[in-house]
Amino acid sequence: MINYLYYFSVFVLSVIISGSCANQLPPEGGKNDTDPPELNYIFPRPNSTGVKGNKIIIKFNEYVDRRSFEESFFISPLPAKGFIFEWSGKEVEIVFNDNFERERTYVIIIGKDLRDVRGGNNLSEPFGFAFSTGNKLDMGNIYGKVFSDNYDRVKVLLYHIKDTSDYFPDPTVKIPGYVTQVTADGNYTFTNLPNGKFRLYAVTDEDRNNVYDRGIDNVAMLPDDPVLTGDSISVSGLNFALKIPDTDIRSVDFLNSLKPDSAGNVFTNSSKDINLITPFHKFYFYFENKFPDKISVVENFILTDTSSGKIYTPVFNWVSDSLLEVFSSEQFEYNSVIFVGFNVSPSEKYREYFKIYEREKFGKISGKFLNAGTGAPVILKLYNLSDRGIQYTSIISDTSAFTIGNIIEGKYMLFAFRDEDSGGSFDPGIVYPFKAPERFLIYDKDFEIKGNSSIENIILDF
């Protein structure tokens, strides 16, 4: 595979160095500095071989925040005896406490948290380069994506063992040999890797210590450990489900998303201003700062089609003393208007109308599985990316093919997993002692569902 990092590094470095020869300086006077810092000089040269010594030198075109650089600097593999930073103006020397190891490829990553002093401008993406103390560079590569709702402090930790019979260390205490940040859209890349077996963890490194802290960081793992052999082996598509858009109805974020009714007494997942709902809508009613009379709510609950007069039977689930989930025992009619009413207390009443989408607003998807295995069902989940209250779940026992219908038009993400423990929910595994997560996949592109249409021949390869 073409080493894109090599060509990118050479191109960027040549452009920057040519600019520095013309004595370009940061803007003076009153002009705002809106440009991120640039690297004017790097030693050893990117992709050089036969390197000796114990220093890495980096010069910038402007003064950078030293702490941000030191927190954004990653070197892989990590030197056994550590290193120190020595600053002089716009230049920094990274000095190893021992000479570079022989026959070793080092990869340097400068993360996107690096910022300049004058404007506080950060790098838009991590920058990396490699060099070797031997006569060639390691050329193994691992690529993938982390799926999350925020990527500010997301890193991928990579542990390496040469002998595949060895055990991987505990990531809660052992700093990995390789660390990288993800890009703004969640992609990550490890280049110039040696042969061997690897284990990867995606973490939200809240305290930036390059390990997984239980109870502080979120973590995700892969169902398989990749193995690299040869000089230019690459493995791609290693995706992490760090945070998929499942709605946690007990979370503060979910409660904050609910809208008050006209009287301000009850908060729901449906608003007067946007009162369109699907035929299988689940209502959530949150009684902020109060505990309603549950008997009064249930006994006086009305769920009626205003056109036909049909009365729907509600199903109640008290999530907590102040949060109620209600759904109909049967699907609402398309294009109908539903009246919802109940008594919060003898003196407080809730009354609201909701319009059901027209049938023409719904589409479907269909396709087939590859390598889904046998015996365990596959659970498919579709997440509406603009309305987190709209989700679809389908349990597929016959894993030869699948179809999901009645999908309201919109943009969706597809997540699927093999329910190996028959638990009905995704098992993310155990960090240490290691237990792999259930085999899963995240479809590599989002779906744009159109009304009265279908997307066919989707291939889901486990």
Protein backbone atom coordinates (compact mmCIF):
# COMPACT_ATOMS: atom_id res chain seq x y z
CA MET A 1 0.00 0.00 0.00
CA ILE A 2 1.21 3.53 -0.74
CA ASN A 3 2.47 5.23 2.42
CA TYR A 4 0.42 8.42 2.21
CA LEU A 5 1.95 9.75 5.42
CA TYR A 6 5.34 9.77 3.71
CA TYR A 7 4.22 11.89 0.75
CA PHE A 8 2.12 14.16 2.97
CA SER A 9 5.03 14.75 5.36
CA VAL A 10 7.49 15.48 2.54
CA PHE A 11 5.07 17.84 0.79
CA VAL A 12 4.13 19.78 3.92
CA LEU A 13 7.69 20.02 5.11
CA SER A 14 8.99 21.23 1.73
CA VAL A 15 6.32 23.92 1.52
CA ILE A 16 6.97 25.11 5.07
CA ILE A 17 10.74 25.15 4.67
CA SER A 18 10.55 27.04 1.37
CA GLY A 19 8.33 29.60 3.09
CA SER A 20 10.78 29.94 5.98
CA CYS A 21 13.64 30.69 3.58
CA ALA A 22 11.81 33.85 2.61
CA ASN A 23 11.87 34.96 6.27
CA GLN A 24 8.10 34.84 6.65
CA LEU A 25 7.11 36.06 10.11
CA PRO A 26 3.84 36.04 12.07
CA PRO A 27 1.64 39.07 11.31
CA GLU A 28 2.54 42.24 13.15
CA GLY A 29 0.44 45.15 14.34
CA GLY A 30 -3.29 44.92 14.78
CA LYS A 31 -3.98 42.05 12.40
CA ASN A 32 -5.55 39.08 14.15
CA ASP A 33 -3.60 35.82 14.09
CA THR A 34 -6.01 33.15 12.87
CA ASP A 35 -3.51 30.65 11.45
CA PRO A 36 -2.37 27.54 13.33
CA PRO A 37 1.36 27.09 14.01
CA GLU A 38 3.52 25.53 11.31
CA LEU A 39 6.65 23.37 11.47
CA ASN A 40 9.62 25.08 9.81
CA TYR A 41 12.19 22.37 10.51
CA ILE A 42 12.26 18.74 11.65
CA PHE A 43 15.23 16.58 12.61
CA PRO A 44 15.62 13.70 11.90
CA ARG A 45 14.11 14.25 8.46
CA PRO A 46 10.78 12.48 7.96
CA ASN A 47 11.20 8.93 6.64
CA SER A 48 14.97 8.96 7.03
CA THR A 49 16.86 5.78 7.93
CA GLY A 50 20.11 5.00 9.71
CA VAL A 51 19.44 7.69 12.31
CA LYS A 52 21.73 7.84 15.35
CA GLY A 53 21.81 9.91 18.51
CA ASN A 54 19.17 10.79 21.07
CA LYS A 55 17.52 14.05 19.93
CA ILE A 56 14.52 15.17 17.93
CA ILE A 57 14.46 18.86 16.96
CA ILE A 58 11.36 20.78 15.89
CA LYS A 59 11.23 24.47 14.95
CA PHE A 60 8.00 26.46 14.55
CA ASN A 61 7.23 29.59 12.57
CA GLU A 62 5.91 31.28 15.72
CA TYR A 63 5.87 30.91 19.46
CA VAL A 64 3.75 27.98 20.60
CA ASP A 65 2.22 27.24 23.96
CA ARG A 66 4.81 24.94 25.48
CA ARG A 67 2.46 23.03 27.71
CA SER A 68 0.05 22.36 24.85
CA PHE A 69 2.94 21.00 22.77
CA GLU A 70 4.19 18.72 25.53
CA GLU A 71 0.66 17.37 26.09
CA SER A 72 0.21 16.90 22.32
CA PHE A 73 3.53 15.17 21.66
CA PHE A 74 3.34 11.40 21.17
CA ILE A 75 6.24 9.15 20.31
CA SER A 76 5.85 5.47 19.49
CA PRO A 77 7.24 3.22 20.72
CA LEU A 78 7.69 5.01 24.04
CA PRO A 79 11.39 5.26 25.04
CA ALA A 80 12.11 2.91 27.95
CA LYS A 81 14.07 5.53 29.91
CA GLY A 82 11.88 8.49 29.00
CA PHE A 83 12.75 11.88 27.52
CA ILE A 84 12.74 15.59 28.37
CA PHE A 85 11.83 18.81 26.52
CA GLU A 86 14.42 21.57 26.13
CA TRP A 87 13.05 24.87 24.78
CA SER A 88 14.78 27.78 23.09
CA GLY A 89 12.44 30.39 21.60
CA LYS A 90 10.45 28.79 18.80
CA GLU A 91 12.53 25.59 18.91
CA VAL A 92 12.18 22.51 21.05
CA GLU A 93 14.55 19.57 21.47
CA ILE A 94 13.12 16.28 22.64
CA VAL A 95 16.08 14.59 24.32
CA PHE A 96 15.97 10.86 25.08
CA ASN A 97 17.58 9.80 28.36
CA ASP A 98 19.34 7.10 26.36
CA ASN A 99 20.28 6.75 22.70
CA PHE A 100 17.70 5.67 20.15
CA GLU A 101 17.23 1.92 20.07
CA ARG A 102 18.89 0.04 17.23
CA GLU A 103 16.81 -1.26 14.31
CA ARG A 104 13.75 0.64 15.48
CA THR A 105 11.17 2.74 13.63
CA TYR A 106 9.92 5.72 15.63
CA VAL A 107 6.65 7.48 14.85
CA ILE A 108 6.06 11.04 16.07
CA ILE A 109 2.56 12.46 16.34
CA ILE A 110 1.85 16.09 17.24
CA GLY A 111 -1.77 16.25 18.32
CA LYS A 112 -4.40 18.81 17.45
CA ASP A 113 -4.31 20.34 20.96
CA LEU A 114 -1.09 22.16 20.04
CA ARG A 115 -1.77 25.91 19.85
CA ASP A 116 0.16 29.09 19.23
CA VAL A 117 0.70 31.79 21.85
CA ARG A 118 -0.57 34.83 20.04
CA GLY A 119 -3.92 33.69 18.67
CA GLY A 120 -4.52 30.46 20.59
CA ASN A 121 -4.96 28.67 17.26
CA ASN A 122 -4.95 24.87 17.33
CA LEU A 123 -3.82 22.43 14.68
CA SER A 124 -6.84 21.32 12.66
CA GLU A 125 -5.59 17.71 12.49
CA PRO A 126 -2.79 15.68 14.10
CA PHE A 127 0.56 15.83 12.24
CA GLY A 128 2.93 12.87 12.07
CA PHE A 129 6.23 11.63 10.67
CA ALA A 130 8.54 8.65 11.09
CA PHE A 131 12.25 7.79 11.02
CA SER A 132 14.28 4.64 11.53
CA THR A 133 17.53 3.77 13.26
CA GLY A 134 17.85 0.75 10.96
CA ASN A 135 18.22 0.53 7.20
CA LYS A 136 14.47 0.52 6.53
CA LEU A 137 11.20 1.80 7.92
CA ASP A 138 8.55 -0.50 9.35
CA MET A 139 5.61 -0.25 6.94
CA GLY A 140 2.64 -1.79 8.74
CA ASN A 141 -0.54 0.30 8.92
CA ILE A 142 -3.81 0.15 10.85
CA TYR A 143 -6.76 2.37 9.95
CA GLY A 144 -10.25 2.80 11.29
CA LYS A 145 -12.84 5.09 12.77
CA VAL A 146 -14.18 5.79 16.23
CA PHE A 147 -17.92 6.43 16.38
CA SER A 148 -18.80 8.86 19.17
CA ASP A 149 -20.81 12.02 19.77
CA ASN A 150 -17.70 14.06 20.61
CA TYR A 151 -14.05 13.68 19.58
CA ASP A 152 -12.31 16.36 21.66
CA ARG A 153 -10.20 14.01 23.79
CA VAL A 154 -10.63 10.71 22.02
CA LYS A 155 -7.46 8.68 21.56
CA VAL A 156 -6.68 5.21 20.32
CA LEU A 157 -4.22 3.22 22.43
CA LEU A 158 -2.31 0.43 20.70
CA TYR A 159 -0.38 -2.33 22.47
CA HIS A 160 2.08 -4.54 20.60
CA ILE A 161 3.49 -8.00 21.28
CA LYS A 162 6.04 -9.62 18.99
CA ASP A 163 5.31 -13.15 20.13
CA THR A 164 1.61 -13.78 19.58
CA SER A 165 1.60 -16.25 22.48
CA ASP A 166 2.42 -13.49 24.99
CA TYR A 167 -0.17 -11.65 27.05
CA PHE A 168 -1.20 -8.05 26.55
CA PRO A 169 -0.74 -5.73 29.56
CA ASP A 170 -3.46 -4.06 31.63
CA PRO A 171 -4.36 -0.75 29.90
CA THR A 172 -5.49 0.77 33.21
CA VAL A 173 -1.86 0.89 34.41
CA LYS A 174 0.41 0.31 31.40
CA ILE A 175 1.04 3.16 28.97
CA PRO A 176 0.84 1.76 25.41
CA GLY A 177 3.70 1.77 22.98
CA TYR A 178 1.57 3.62 20.39
CA VAL A 179 -0.96 6.42 20.89
CA THR A 180 -2.78 8.64 18.42
CA GLN A 181 -5.61 11.15 18.47
CA VAL A 182 -8.57 10.86 16.18
CA THR A 183 -9.41 13.46 13.54
CA ALA A 184 -12.37 15.84 13.79
CA ASP A 185 -14.64 13.20 12.23
CA GLY A 186 -13.30 10.27 14.26
CA ASN A 187 -10.78 8.67 11.89
CA TYR A 188 -7.49 7.33 13.20
CA THR A 189 -4.30 6.03 11.60
CA PHE A 190 -1.25 4.11 12.82
CA THR A 191 1.59 3.95 10.34
CA ASN A 192 5.07 2.45 10.26
CA LEU A 193 4.16 -0.41 12.58
CA PRO A 194 6.34 -3.49 13.04
CA ASN A 195 5.22 -7.08 12.60
CA GLY A 196 3.28 -8.66 15.42
CA LYS A 197 -0.04 -8.79 17.20
CA PHE A 198 -1.84 -5.66 18.38
CA ARG A 199 -4.65 -4.77 20.75
CA LEU A 200 -6.45 -1.45 20.43
CA TYR A 201 -8.62 0.58 22.77
CA ALA A 202 -10.52 3.78 21.98
CA VAL A 203 -10.77 6.01 25.06
CA THR A 204 -11.92 9.46 26.05
CA ASP A 205 -8.68 10.35 27.80
CA GLU A 206 -10.12 12.94 30.17
CA ASP A 207 -6.94 13.49 32.20
CA ARG A 208 -4.59 12.98 29.23
CA ASN A 209 -2.47 10.30 30.88
CA ASN A 210 -2.61 7.84 27.95
CA VAL A 211 -4.18 5.01 29.95
CA TYR A 212 -7.77 3.97 30.57
CA ASP A 213 -9.10 5.25 33.91
CA ARG A 214 -12.09 3.27 35.15
CA GLY A 215 -15.05 5.45 36.08
CA ILE A 216 -13.55 8.48 34.30
CA ASP A 217 -12.90 7.53 30.68
CA ASN A 218 -15.25 5.89 28.22
CA VAL A 219 -13.70 2.92 26.43
CA ALA A 220 -14.42 0.70 23.42
CA MET A 221 -12.70 -2.43 22.13
CA LEU A 222 -12.57 -4.61 19.05
CA PRO A 223 -13.76 -8.22 18.74
CA ASP A 224 -10.43 -9.29 17.16
CA ASP A 225 -6.77 -8.40 17.62
CA PRO A 226 -5.13 -7.57 14.27
CA VAL A 227 -1.87 -9.26 13.29
CA LEU A 228 0.60 -7.64 10.88
CA THR A 229 3.11 -9.69 8.93
CA GLY A 230 5.44 -8.66 6.11
CA ASP A 231 6.84 -5.25 5.25
CA SER A 232 3.75 -3.48 3.98
CA ILE A 233 0.73 -5.17 5.50
CA SER A 234 -2.23 -2.89 6.18
CA VAL A 235 -5.45 -3.53 8.06
CA SER A 236 -8.36 -1.14 7.60
CA GLY A 237 -11.94 -0.84 8.79
CA LEU A 238 -11.17 -1.41 12.49
CA ASN A 239 -14.04 0.67 13.82
CA PHE A 240 -14.94 1.37 17.43
CA ALA A 241 -18.41 1.87 18.90
CA LEU A 242 -17.27 4.27 21.63
CA LYS A 243 -20.66 5.92 21.93
CA ILE A 244 -23.50 4.94 19.65
CA PRO A 245 -26.63 7.12 19.73
CA ASP A 246 -28.69 4.89 22.03
CA THR A 247 -31.02 7.06 24.07
CA ASP A 248 -30.42 6.65 27.79
CA ILE A 249 -33.77 7.82 29.13
CA ARG A 250 -32.30 8.07 32.64
CA SER A 251 -29.56 10.48 31.61
CA VAL A 252 -29.47 14.22 32.32
CA ASP A 253 -28.97 14.89 28.60
CA PHE A 254 -32.23 13.11 27.78
CA LEU A 255 -34.20 14.98 30.44
CA ASN A 256 -32.76 18.28 29.23
CA SER A 257 -33.96 17.48 25.70
CA LEU A 258 -37.61 17.30 26.78
CA LYS A 259 -39.85 20.27 26.08
CA PRO A 260 -42.43 21.81 28.46
CA ASP A 261 -46.13 21.84 27.69
CA SER A 262 -48.04 25.13 27.42
CA ALA A 263 -48.59 25.23 31.18
CA GLY A 264 -44.97 24.42 31.95
CA ASN A 265 -45.98 21.54 34.23
CA VAL A 266 -44.97 18.53 32.16
CA PHE A 267 -41.96 17.99 29.91
CA THR A 268 -42.24 15.64 26.94
CA ASN A 269 -40.29 14.37 23.96
CA SER A 270 -42.86 16.01 21.70
CA SER A 271 -43.29 19.76 21.37
CA LYS A 272 -46.29 21.93 20.49
CA ASP A 273 -44.12 23.58 17.85
CA ILE A 274 -43.10 20.26 16.26
CA ASN A 275 -46.05 17.96 16.93
CA LEU A 276 -45.47 15.35 14.22
CA ILE A 277 -44.86 11.85 15.53
CA THR A 278 -44.50 8.35 14.07
CA PRO A 279 -47.23 5.67 14.32
CA PHE A 280 -45.11 3.77 16.89
CA HIS A 281 -44.12 6.82 18.95
CA LYS A 282 -43.18 6.39 22.61
CA PHE A 283 -44.20 9.28 24.84
CA TYR A 284 -42.03 10.36 27.76
CA PHE A 285 -43.50 12.60 30.45
CA TYR A 286 -41.17 14.20 32.97
CA PHE A 287 -42.61 15.89 36.03
CA GLU A 288 -39.81 18.23 37.02
CA ASN A 289 -39.31 18.78 40.74
CA LYS A 290 -42.46 16.89 41.65
CA PHE A 291 -43.80 13.40 42.16
CA PRO A 292 -47.20 13.08 40.49
CA ASP A 293 -50.10 11.04 41.77
CA LYS A 294 -49.40 7.85 39.75
CA ILE A 295 -52.88 6.47 40.27
CA SER A 296 -54.44 9.72 39.06
CA VAL A 297 -52.20 9.76 35.97
CA VAL A 298 -52.92 6.14 34.98
CA GLU A 299 -56.63 6.03 35.75
CA ASN A 300 -57.37 9.26 33.85
CA PHE A 301 -55.05 8.69 30.88
CA ILE A 302 -56.71 9.21 27.47
CA LEU A 303 -55.18 8.20 24.12
CA THR A 304 -57.73 8.84 21.36
CA ASP A 305 -57.92 9.26 17.58
CA THR A 306 -59.82 12.54 17.19
CA SER A 307 -61.15 11.63 13.71
CA SER A 308 -62.39 8.08 14.16
CA GLY A 309 -62.93 8.21 17.90
CA LYS A 310 -60.81 5.10 18.33
CA ILE A 311 -59.47 4.68 21.85
CA TYR A 312 -55.96 3.24 22.10
CA THR A 313 -54.84 1.19 25.10
CA PRO A 314 -51.79 2.81 26.72
CA VAL A 315 -48.94 0.79 28.22
CA PHE A 316 -47.25 2.44 31.20
CA ASN A 317 -43.67 2.19 32.39
CA TRP A 318 -42.64 4.32 35.35
CA VAL A 319 -38.92 4.80 34.73
CA SER A 320 -38.70 6.72 38.00
CA ASP A 321 -41.06 8.54 40.34
CA SER A 322 -40.93 11.57 38.04
CA LEU A 323 -40.44 10.03 34.56
CA LEU A 324 -43.16 8.06 32.77
CA GLU A 325 -42.90 6.14 29.48
CA VAL A 326 -46.17 5.53 27.60
CA PHE A 327 -46.80 3.79 24.29
CA SER A 328 -49.84 2.37 22.53
CA SER A 329 -50.49 -1.35 22.44
CA GLU A 330 -51.10 -0.96 18.69
CA GLN A 331 -49.78 1.31 15.96
CA PHE A 332 -51.45 4.69 15.37
CA GLU A 333 -53.11 5.30 12.01
CA TYR A 334 -51.14 7.29 9.46
CA ASN A 335 -52.16 10.94 9.03
CA SER A 336 -54.41 10.85 12.11
CA VAL A 337 -54.53 13.27 15.05
CA ILE A 338 -54.04 11.79 18.50
CA PHE A 339 -55.28 13.43 21.69
CA VAL A 340 -53.32 12.77 24.86
CA GLY A 341 -54.72 13.77 28.22
CA PHE A 342 -54.31 12.92 31.88
CA ASN A 343 -54.43 14.46 35.34
CA VAL A 344 -51.09 15.29 36.91
CA SER A 345 -52.98 15.97 40.14
CA PRO A 346 -56.56 16.91 41.00
CA SER A 347 -55.72 20.52 40.08
CA GLU A 348 -53.26 20.04 37.19
CA LYS A 349 -54.22 18.60 33.79
CA TYR A 350 -52.19 17.71 30.70
CA ARG A 351 -53.88 18.09 27.29
CA GLU A 352 -52.12 17.88 23.91
CA TYR A 353 -52.70 16.90 20.24
CA PHE A 354 -50.21 15.11 18.00
CA LYS A 355 -50.27 14.61 14.24
CA ILE A 356 -49.14 11.25 12.82
CA TYR A 357 -46.95 11.36 9.71
CA GLU A 358 -48.46 10.44 6.36
CA ARG A 359 -47.73 6.96 4.97
CA GLU A 360 -45.82 8.56 2.07
CA LYS A 361 -43.14 9.76 4.51
CA PHE A 362 -41.86 6.23 5.20
CA GLY A 363 -39.34 4.05 3.36
CA LYS A 364 -37.45 0.81 3.92
CA ILE A 365 -34.05 -0.84 3.62
CA SER A 366 -33.10 -4.43 2.78
CA GLY A 367 -29.99 -6.48 2.21
CA LYS A 368 -28.07 -9.54 3.29
CA PHE A 369 -25.40 -10.65 5.74
CA LEU A 370 -21.97 -12.08 5.13
CA ASN A 371 -20.15 -14.10 7.79
CA ALA A 372 -22.95 -13.57 10.31
CA GLY A 373 -22.36 -17.03 11.73
CA THR A 374 -25.03 -19.43 12.89
CA GLY A 375 -26.96 -19.94 16.08
CA ALA A 376 -26.99 -16.38 17.38
CA PRO A 377 -29.47 -13.78 16.11
CA VAL A 378 -28.28 -10.47 14.71
CA ILE A 379 -29.76 -7.29 16.16
CA LEU A 380 -29.95 -4.33 13.79
CA LYS A 381 -30.33 -0.80 15.08
CA LEU A 382 -31.07 2.28 12.98
CA TYR A 383 -30.48 5.67 14.60
CA ASN A 384 -32.02 8.86 13.23
CA LEU A 385 -29.15 11.35 13.26
CA SER A 386 -31.33 14.47 13.57
CA ASP A 387 -33.88 13.15 16.09
CA ARG A 388 -32.43 10.88 18.76
CA GLY A 389 -35.94 9.94 19.82
CA ILE A 390 -36.39 7.96 16.58
CA GLN A 391 -34.71 4.55 16.61
CA TYR A 392 -35.49 1.22 14.98
CA THR A 393 -34.54 -2.21 16.30
CA SER A 394 -34.93 -5.44 14.38
CA ILE A 395 -33.97 -8.91 15.65
CA ILE A 396 -32.94 -11.14 12.73
CA SER A 397 -33.01 -14.86 13.48
CA ASP A 398 -32.64 -15.95 9.86
CA THR A 399 -29.37 -14.21 9.07
CA SER A 400 -29.53 -14.88 5.33
CA ALA A 401 -31.25 -11.54 4.68
CA PHE A 402 -33.01 -8.63 6.37
CA THR A 403 -35.67 -6.00 5.74
CA ILE A 404 -36.65 -3.03 7.91
CA GLY A 405 -39.76 -1.10 6.90
CA ASN A 406 -41.80 1.85 8.17
CA ILE A 407 -38.71 4.06 8.50
CA ILE A 408 -39.56 7.73 8.67
CA GLU A 409 -37.56 9.70 6.10
CA GLY A 410 -34.28 11.13 7.32
CA LYS A 411 -30.59 10.36 7.75
CA TYR A 412 -29.64 7.23 9.67
CA MET A 413 -26.70 5.35 11.10
CA LEU A 414 -26.79 1.53 11.13
CA PHE A 415 -25.28 -0.54 13.94
CA ALA A 416 -25.52 -4.34 14.05
CA PHE A 417 -24.21 -6.95 16.44
CA ARG A 418 -24.34 -10.69 16.86
CA ASP A 419 -26.25 -11.33 20.08
CA GLU A 420 -24.03 -14.19 21.20
CA ASP A 421 -25.19 -14.16 24.83
CA SER A 422 -28.89 -13.73 23.91
CA GLY A 423 -29.03 -10.74 26.22
CA GLY A 424 -30.86 -8.51 23.78
CA SER A 425 -28.36 -5.68 24.19
CA PHE A 426 -24.80 -5.16 22.97
CA ASP A 427 -22.10 -6.64 25.23
CA PRO A 428 -19.11 -4.24 24.99
CA GLY A 429 -16.71 -6.70 26.65
CA ILE A 430 -14.36 -6.30 29.61
CA VAL A 431 -11.17 -4.23 29.53
CA TYR A 432 -9.10 -6.38 31.93
CA PRO A 433 -8.98 -9.31 32.31
CA PHE A 434 -9.80 -8.94 28.65
CA LYS A 435 -13.09 -10.18 27.28
CA ALA A 436 -13.83 -9.30 23.66
CA PRO A 437 -17.06 -7.49 22.82
CA GLU A 438 -19.75 -9.20 20.80
CA ARG A 439 -18.99 -9.12 17.10
CA PHE A 440 -20.41 -5.94 15.66
CA LEU A 441 -20.27 -3.66 12.66
CA ILE A 442 -21.09 -0.05 11.91
CA TYR A 443 -22.09 0.49 8.31
CA ASP A 444 -19.47 2.61 6.58
CA LYS A 445 -21.90 5.29 5.39
CA ASP A 446 -25.10 6.89 6.59
CA PHE A 447 -28.46 6.19 4.96
CA GLU A 448 -30.65 8.91 3.50
CA ILE A 449 -34.13 7.39 3.72
CA LYS A 450 -36.70 8.89 1.36
CA GLY A 451 -40.46 8.55 1.68
CA ASN A 452 -42.10 5.89 -0.53
CA SER A 453 -38.72 4.48 -1.53
CA SER A 454 -36.33 1.72 -0.54
CA ILE A 455 -32.59 1.15 -0.31
CA GLU A 456 -31.75 -2.39 -1.40
CA ASN A 457 -28.81 -4.77 -1.63
CA ILE A 458 -27.07 -3.53 1.53
CA ILE A 459 -24.22 -5.89 2.40
CA LEU A 460 -23.39 -6.29 6.10
CA ASP A 461 -20.13 -8.21 6.40
CA PHE A 462 -19.19 -9.40 9.88
